[in-house]
Protein backbone atom coordinates (compact mmCIF):
# COMPACT_ATOMS: atom_id res chain seq x y z
CA MET A 1 -8.75 10.00 9.94
CA PRO A 2 -10.56 10.03 6.60
CA HIS A 3 -10.48 8.49 3.17
CA THR A 4 -11.08 9.78 -0.33
CA ILE A 5 -12.36 8.03 -3.46
CA GLY A 6 -12.07 9.57 -6.90
CA PHE A 7 -10.13 9.65 -10.13
CA VAL A 8 -7.46 11.62 -11.91
CA ASP A 9 -6.78 11.81 -15.63
CA ASN A 10 -4.56 13.62 -18.10
CA SER A 11 -6.85 16.57 -18.74
CA GLY A 12 -5.15 19.94 -18.82
CA GLY A 13 -1.91 18.45 -20.10
CA THR A 14 -0.72 16.90 -16.81
CA LEU A 15 -0.26 13.13 -16.78
CA ALA A 16 -2.47 11.15 -14.42
CA HIS A 17 0.32 9.64 -12.31
CA TYR A 18 1.61 13.17 -11.62
CA LYS A 19 -1.90 14.15 -10.51
CA MET A 20 -2.06 11.04 -8.32
CA LEU A 21 1.09 12.17 -6.53
CA GLN A 22 -0.46 15.60 -6.00
CA THR A 23 -3.66 13.99 -4.69
CA ILE A 24 -1.68 12.06 -2.09
CA ARG A 25 0.17 15.25 -1.11
CA ASP A 26 -2.99 17.33 -0.81
CA PHE A 27 -4.98 14.73 1.10
CA ALA A 28 -2.18 13.79 3.50
CA SER A 29 -1.25 17.39 4.27
CA ALA A 30 -4.90 18.23 4.96
CA ASN A 31 -5.16 15.36 7.42
CA GLY A 32 -2.25 15.56 9.83
CA TRP A 33 0.80 14.61 7.75
CA THR A 34 3.63 17.10 7.28
CA VAL A 35 5.01 17.62 3.77
CA LEU A 36 8.81 17.59 4.03
CA ARG A 37 9.37 17.66 0.28
CA TYR A 38 7.23 18.10 -2.79
CA ASP A 39 9.42 18.63 -5.83
CA THR A 40 7.67 18.81 -9.20
CA ALA A 41 10.59 20.24 -11.19
CA PRO A 42 12.24 16.97 -12.31
CA ALA A 43 10.53 14.31 -14.43
CA ASN A 44 10.65 12.02 -11.38
CA ARG A 45 8.57 14.13 -9.01
CA GLU A 46 9.12 13.55 -5.28
CA LEU A 47 6.89 13.62 -2.22
CA ILE A 48 8.16 12.92 1.32
CA LEU A 49 5.84 13.05 4.34
CA LYS A 50 6.11 12.77 8.10
CA GLY A 51 3.41 11.28 10.32
CA VAL A 52 3.12 11.56 14.08
CA GLY A 53 1.49 8.18 14.86
CA TYR A 54 -1.36 7.51 17.24
CA THR A 55 0.62 9.02 20.13
CA GLY A 56 1.09 12.32 18.32
CA ASP A 57 4.79 12.32 19.20
CA GLU A 58 6.26 9.91 16.65
CA GLU A 59 8.23 10.52 13.47
CA ILE A 60 7.15 8.22 10.63
CA PHE A 61 8.80 8.97 7.30
CA VAL A 62 7.13 7.82 4.07
CA GLY A 63 6.88 9.04 0.52
CA PHE A 64 6.08 8.49 -3.13
CA ARG A 65 7.84 9.54 -6.31
CA THR A 66 7.05 9.07 -9.97
CA TYR A 67 9.10 7.21 -12.56
CA GLN A 68 8.18 6.65 -16.18
CA ASP A 69 9.32 5.78 -19.69
CA ALA A 70 7.17 6.98 -22.57
CA SER A 71 8.83 4.61 -25.06
CA ALA A 72 8.01 1.61 -22.84
CA ASP A 73 4.58 3.05 -21.97
CA TYR A 74 4.81 2.84 -18.20
CA TYR A 75 3.99 5.62 -15.76
CA ASN A 76 4.48 4.44 -12.19
CA LEU A 77 4.70 5.49 -8.58
CA LEU A 78 7.50 4.40 -6.25
CA ALA A 79 6.44 3.93 -2.63
CA GLY A 80 9.09 4.55 0.03
CA VAL A 81 9.57 4.22 3.78
CA PHE A 82 12.55 5.74 5.59
CA THR A 83 14.12 5.78 9.03
CA GLY A 84 14.78 9.52 8.89
CA TYR A 85 14.87 12.52 6.60
CA VAL A 86 17.90 14.36 5.21
CA PRO A 87 16.97 17.41 3.10
CA GLY A 88 20.11 17.11 0.98
CA ASN A 89 19.54 13.48 0.04
CA THR A 90 17.59 12.26 -2.97
CA PHE A 91 14.39 10.31 -2.46
CA ASP A 92 16.13 6.98 -3.05
CA THR A 93 19.02 7.75 -0.68
CA GLN A 94 17.02 8.84 2.36
CA PRO A 95 18.13 7.05 5.56
CA GLY A 96 17.15 3.39 5.67
CA ALA A 97 15.18 3.69 2.42
CA ARG A 98 13.00 0.78 1.33
CA LEU A 99 11.30 1.23 -2.06
CA SER A 100 8.61 -0.60 -4.02
CA GLY A 101 7.15 0.34 -7.40
CA VAL A 102 3.42 0.59 -8.08
CA PRO A 103 2.30 0.49 -11.73
CA ALA A 104 0.04 3.42 -12.54
CA HIS A 105 -1.03 5.20 -15.73
CA ASN A 106 -0.66 8.38 -17.74
CA ASN A 107 -4.38 8.27 -18.47
CA ARG A 108 -7.25 7.81 -16.02
CA ILE A 109 -6.57 6.38 -12.54
CA ASP A 110 -9.46 5.55 -10.23
CA TYR A 111 -8.28 5.49 -6.63
CA TRP A 112 -9.16 4.62 -3.04
CA LEU A 113 -6.86 6.50 -0.67
CA THR A 114 -7.10 6.09 3.10
CA LEU A 115 -4.88 7.25 5.92
CA ASN A 116 -4.54 7.57 9.66
CA PRO A 117 -1.75 9.11 11.75
CA GLN A 118 0.60 6.17 11.22
CA ARG A 119 0.09 4.83 7.72
CA ILE A 120 -1.18 5.56 4.21
CA ALA A 121 -2.86 2.88 2.08
CA LEU A 122 -3.74 3.19 -1.58
CA ALA A 123 -5.51 1.15 -4.24
CA MET A 124 -5.69 2.19 -7.89
CA LYS A 125 -7.61 0.93 -10.90
CA VAL A 126 -5.65 1.48 -14.11
CA GLY A 127 -5.51 0.34 -17.70
CA THR A 128 -7.47 -2.68 -18.86
CA PRO A 129 -8.43 -2.45 -15.90
CA VAL A 130 -6.17 -3.94 -13.26
CA TYR A 131 -5.83 -3.07 -9.57
CA GLU A 132 -2.60 -1.91 -7.92
CA SER A 133 -1.96 -1.47 -4.19
CA ALA A 134 0.45 0.18 -1.76
CA TYR A 135 0.90 0.57 2.01
CA VAL A 136 3.49 2.79 3.71
CA GLY A 137 3.90 3.43 7.44
CA LYS A 138 3.55 1.52 10.65
CA CYS A 139 1.83 -1.79 11.24
CA LEU A 140 0.14 -2.83 14.50
CA PRO A 141 3.05 -4.47 16.33
CA TYR A 142 2.74 -7.38 18.73
CA GLY A 143 5.12 -5.78 21.19
CA ARG A 144 5.59 -2.72 23.38
CA PRO A 145 7.09 0.47 21.93
CA SER A 146 10.18 -0.10 24.08
CA GLN A 147 10.63 -3.48 22.41
CA TYR A 148 9.70 -2.50 18.86
CA PRO A 149 9.75 1.28 18.38
CA TYR A 150 9.58 1.59 14.58
CA PRO A 151 7.58 -1.28 13.01
CA VAL A 152 7.13 0.27 9.57
CA VAL A 153 6.11 -1.51 6.37
CA CYS A 154 6.86 -0.65 2.76
CA ALA A 155 4.49 -2.56 0.49
CA GLY A 156 3.98 -2.02 -3.21
CA MET A 157 3.69 -4.17 -6.29
CA LEU A 158 7.30 -4.38 -7.51
CA SER A 159 10.80 -4.85 -6.14
CA GLY A 160 12.23 -1.33 -6.27
CA ALA A 161 11.65 0.93 -9.26
CA ALA A 162 11.19 -1.92 -11.70
CA ALA A 163 10.52 -1.01 -15.34
CA THR A 164 7.14 -2.76 -15.30
CA ARG A 165 3.91 -1.75 -17.00
CA PHE A 166 0.51 -2.41 -15.44
CA SER A 167 -0.13 -5.04 -18.13
CA ASP A 168 2.62 -7.30 -16.76
CA THR A 169 1.08 -10.61 -15.69
CA SER A 170 3.60 -11.62 -13.04
CA HIS A 171 3.41 -8.78 -10.51
CA SER A 172 1.18 -9.26 -7.48
CA ILE A 173 -0.17 -7.62 -4.34
CA PRO A 174 2.36 -7.53 -1.49
CA TYR A 175 0.01 -8.79 1.20
CA LYS A 176 0.25 -12.43 0.18
CA GLY A 177 3.66 -12.20 1.78
CA ASN A 178 7.21 -13.52 1.43
CA ARG A 179 7.68 -11.26 -1.57
CA ALA A 180 10.34 -8.69 -2.29
CA ASN A 181 7.62 -6.05 -2.75
CA MET A 182 6.73 -6.08 0.97
CA ALA A 183 9.24 -5.37 3.73
CA LEU A 184 8.93 -4.93 7.49
CA ARG A 185 11.48 -2.93 9.47
CA SER A 186 12.92 -4.83 12.42
CA ASN A 187 15.12 -3.25 15.06
CA ASP A 188 18.21 -3.93 12.95
CA GLY A 189 17.11 -3.98 9.31
CA TRP A 190 14.45 -4.88 6.78
CA LEU A 191 12.69 -8.27 6.81
CA GLN A 192 10.68 -9.98 4.08
CA PRO A 193 7.70 -11.34 6.02
CA TYR A 194 5.03 -13.85 5.19
CA GLY A 195 1.42 -12.64 5.23
CA TYR A 196 -1.17 -14.73 7.09
CA PRO A 197 -3.62 -16.21 6.16
CA TRP A 198 -2.13 -16.69 2.70
CA GLY A 199 -0.10 -19.85 2.98
CA ASN A 200 -2.64 -21.48 5.29
CA SER A 201 -4.16 -24.20 3.11
CA ALA A 202 -7.29 -24.47 5.27
CA ILE A 203 -8.15 -20.80 4.75
CA ALA A 204 -6.46 -19.63 1.57
CA GLY A 205 -5.96 -22.96 -0.16
CA GLY A 206 -8.11 -25.52 -1.92
CA THR A 207 -10.55 -25.58 0.99
CA GLN A 208 -10.70 -21.80 1.24
CA LEU A 209 -12.95 -19.94 3.65
CA ARG A 210 -16.19 -18.79 2.01
CA ASP A 211 -19.13 -16.75 3.18
CA THR A 212 -21.55 -18.11 5.76
CA GLY A 213 -25.11 -17.36 4.76
CA GLY A 214 -23.98 -14.33 2.80
CA TYR A 215 -21.72 -13.03 5.60
CA TYR A 216 -17.99 -12.76 5.00
CA HIS A 217 -15.26 -12.95 7.62
CA PRO A 218 -12.38 -10.51 7.08
CA LEU A 219 -9.17 -11.73 8.68
CA PRO A 220 -6.25 -9.50 9.72
CA VAL A 221 -3.15 -9.79 7.57
CA GLU A 222 -0.50 -10.79 10.10
CA LEU A 223 3.23 -10.62 9.42
CA HIS A 224 5.36 -13.62 10.42
CA ASP A 225 8.40 -15.64 9.42
CA ASN A 226 6.63 -19.00 8.96
CA ALA A 227 8.54 -20.28 11.97
CA ALA A 228 8.62 -18.87 15.50
CA ASN A 229 7.93 -15.16 15.07
CA MET A 230 4.70 -13.17 14.62
CA TRP A 231 5.53 -9.47 14.42
CA GLY A 232 2.19 -7.74 13.99
CA ALA A 233 -0.72 -7.01 11.67
CA LEU A 234 -1.26 -4.54 8.87
CA ASP A 235 -3.46 -1.59 9.84
CA GLY A 236 -6.71 -1.68 7.86
CA ILE A 237 -5.82 -4.49 5.43
CA PHE A 238 -7.81 -7.73 5.68
CA TYR A 239 -7.97 -11.01 3.82
CA ILE A 240 -11.42 -11.71 2.41
CA SER A 241 -12.65 -14.63 0.37
CA GLY A 242 -13.42 -14.11 -3.30
CA PHE A 243 -16.11 -16.78 -3.21
CA ASN A 244 -19.19 -15.19 -4.82
CA ASN A 245 -17.48 -11.86 -4.28
CA ALA A 246 -16.32 -9.13 -6.67
CA VAL A 247 -13.84 -6.29 -6.84
CA GLU A 248 -15.14 -2.90 -5.66
CA ASN A 249 -17.84 -4.51 -3.52
CA THR A 250 -18.30 -2.58 -0.27
CA PHE A 251 -19.49 -3.50 3.21
CA THR A 252 -19.68 -1.96 6.67
CA LEU A 253 -18.27 -3.56 9.80
CA ASP A 254 -18.05 -2.04 13.28
CA GLY A 255 -18.76 1.43 11.96
CA HIS A 256 -16.15 1.34 9.19
CA ASP A 257 -16.71 1.02 5.47
CA TYR A 258 -14.54 -1.37 3.46
CA VAL A 259 -13.92 -1.87 -0.25
CA VAL A 260 -12.89 -5.17 -1.84
CA ILE A 261 -9.76 -4.95 -4.03
CA GLN A 262 -8.35 -7.70 -6.23
CA ASP A 263 -4.81 -8.75 -7.04
CA VAL A 264 -4.10 -7.02 -10.38
CA SER A 265 -6.35 -8.97 -12.82
CA ARG A 266 -6.59 -12.18 -10.79
CA ASN A 267 -10.03 -13.26 -9.60
CA GLY A 268 -9.53 -16.56 -7.81
CA PHE A 269 -10.99 -17.21 -4.37
CA THR A 270 -7.78 -16.07 -2.66
CA ASP A 271 -6.99 -13.04 -4.81
CA TYR A 272 -8.86 -10.39 -2.84
CA TYR A 273 -8.40 -8.22 0.21
CA ALA A 274 -10.57 -5.69 2.04
CA LEU A 275 -9.29 -2.14 2.49
CA ARG A 276 -10.71 -0.23 5.45
CA LEU A 277 -11.82 3.27 4.52
CA ASP A 278 -10.85 5.25 7.60
CA ASN A 279 -13.27 7.78 9.00
């Protein structure tokens, strides 16, 4: 499955975050995802999609909607993952809904959007600039489908539809883990996992991993409970050191291109991840 890199703005009188929602709709529907809902009539526009997974026979329900407040100057997306789809329900009341806000913009948004049959991942550059991220859909589970049939992740930047502008200094990427803005669906409910290797002081601490002779070592972001359970890894999201590195750097590994994304405006050694650009 492919990726797309580009930008949207407010030309023509349509706000950029509305155009971002349309971009997700158009790209996903052109690449194997079914549009179950695309409602642009209300101010909070809604998009709900269904993916079929790598088997081609699955039902993976994800979506995005807009929310905004002109007086507070925020124009955001709300990422959602669901356990089913009911046409008569609102976006927020879909079965098993888990929601996470993603600060966006009414003006220009530069974006990196990548998808495969089981998940959609997005990074956006907005505002001053800062970088915002989202991931909706399945992870790569460490278990058989009979054991763990629906290992979906909802990962954004905020807990629910928080009234938060991109300029807020406290919000953070979900992949660092144990945050309310990333949730993993277990067989009986939503979990708030940790994200490895963040939390490992030998890798993402004071003695952080750096490059070796100019070569970097992306590590899978694995979801665990910091105790006895390791549930799986995110699909196409990798920890990468920020040592002598920079946001929007690119590299190629095993036939795939990657782009380096930072955590909002942070630029410490452990504030970066690599996003695989599917092809």
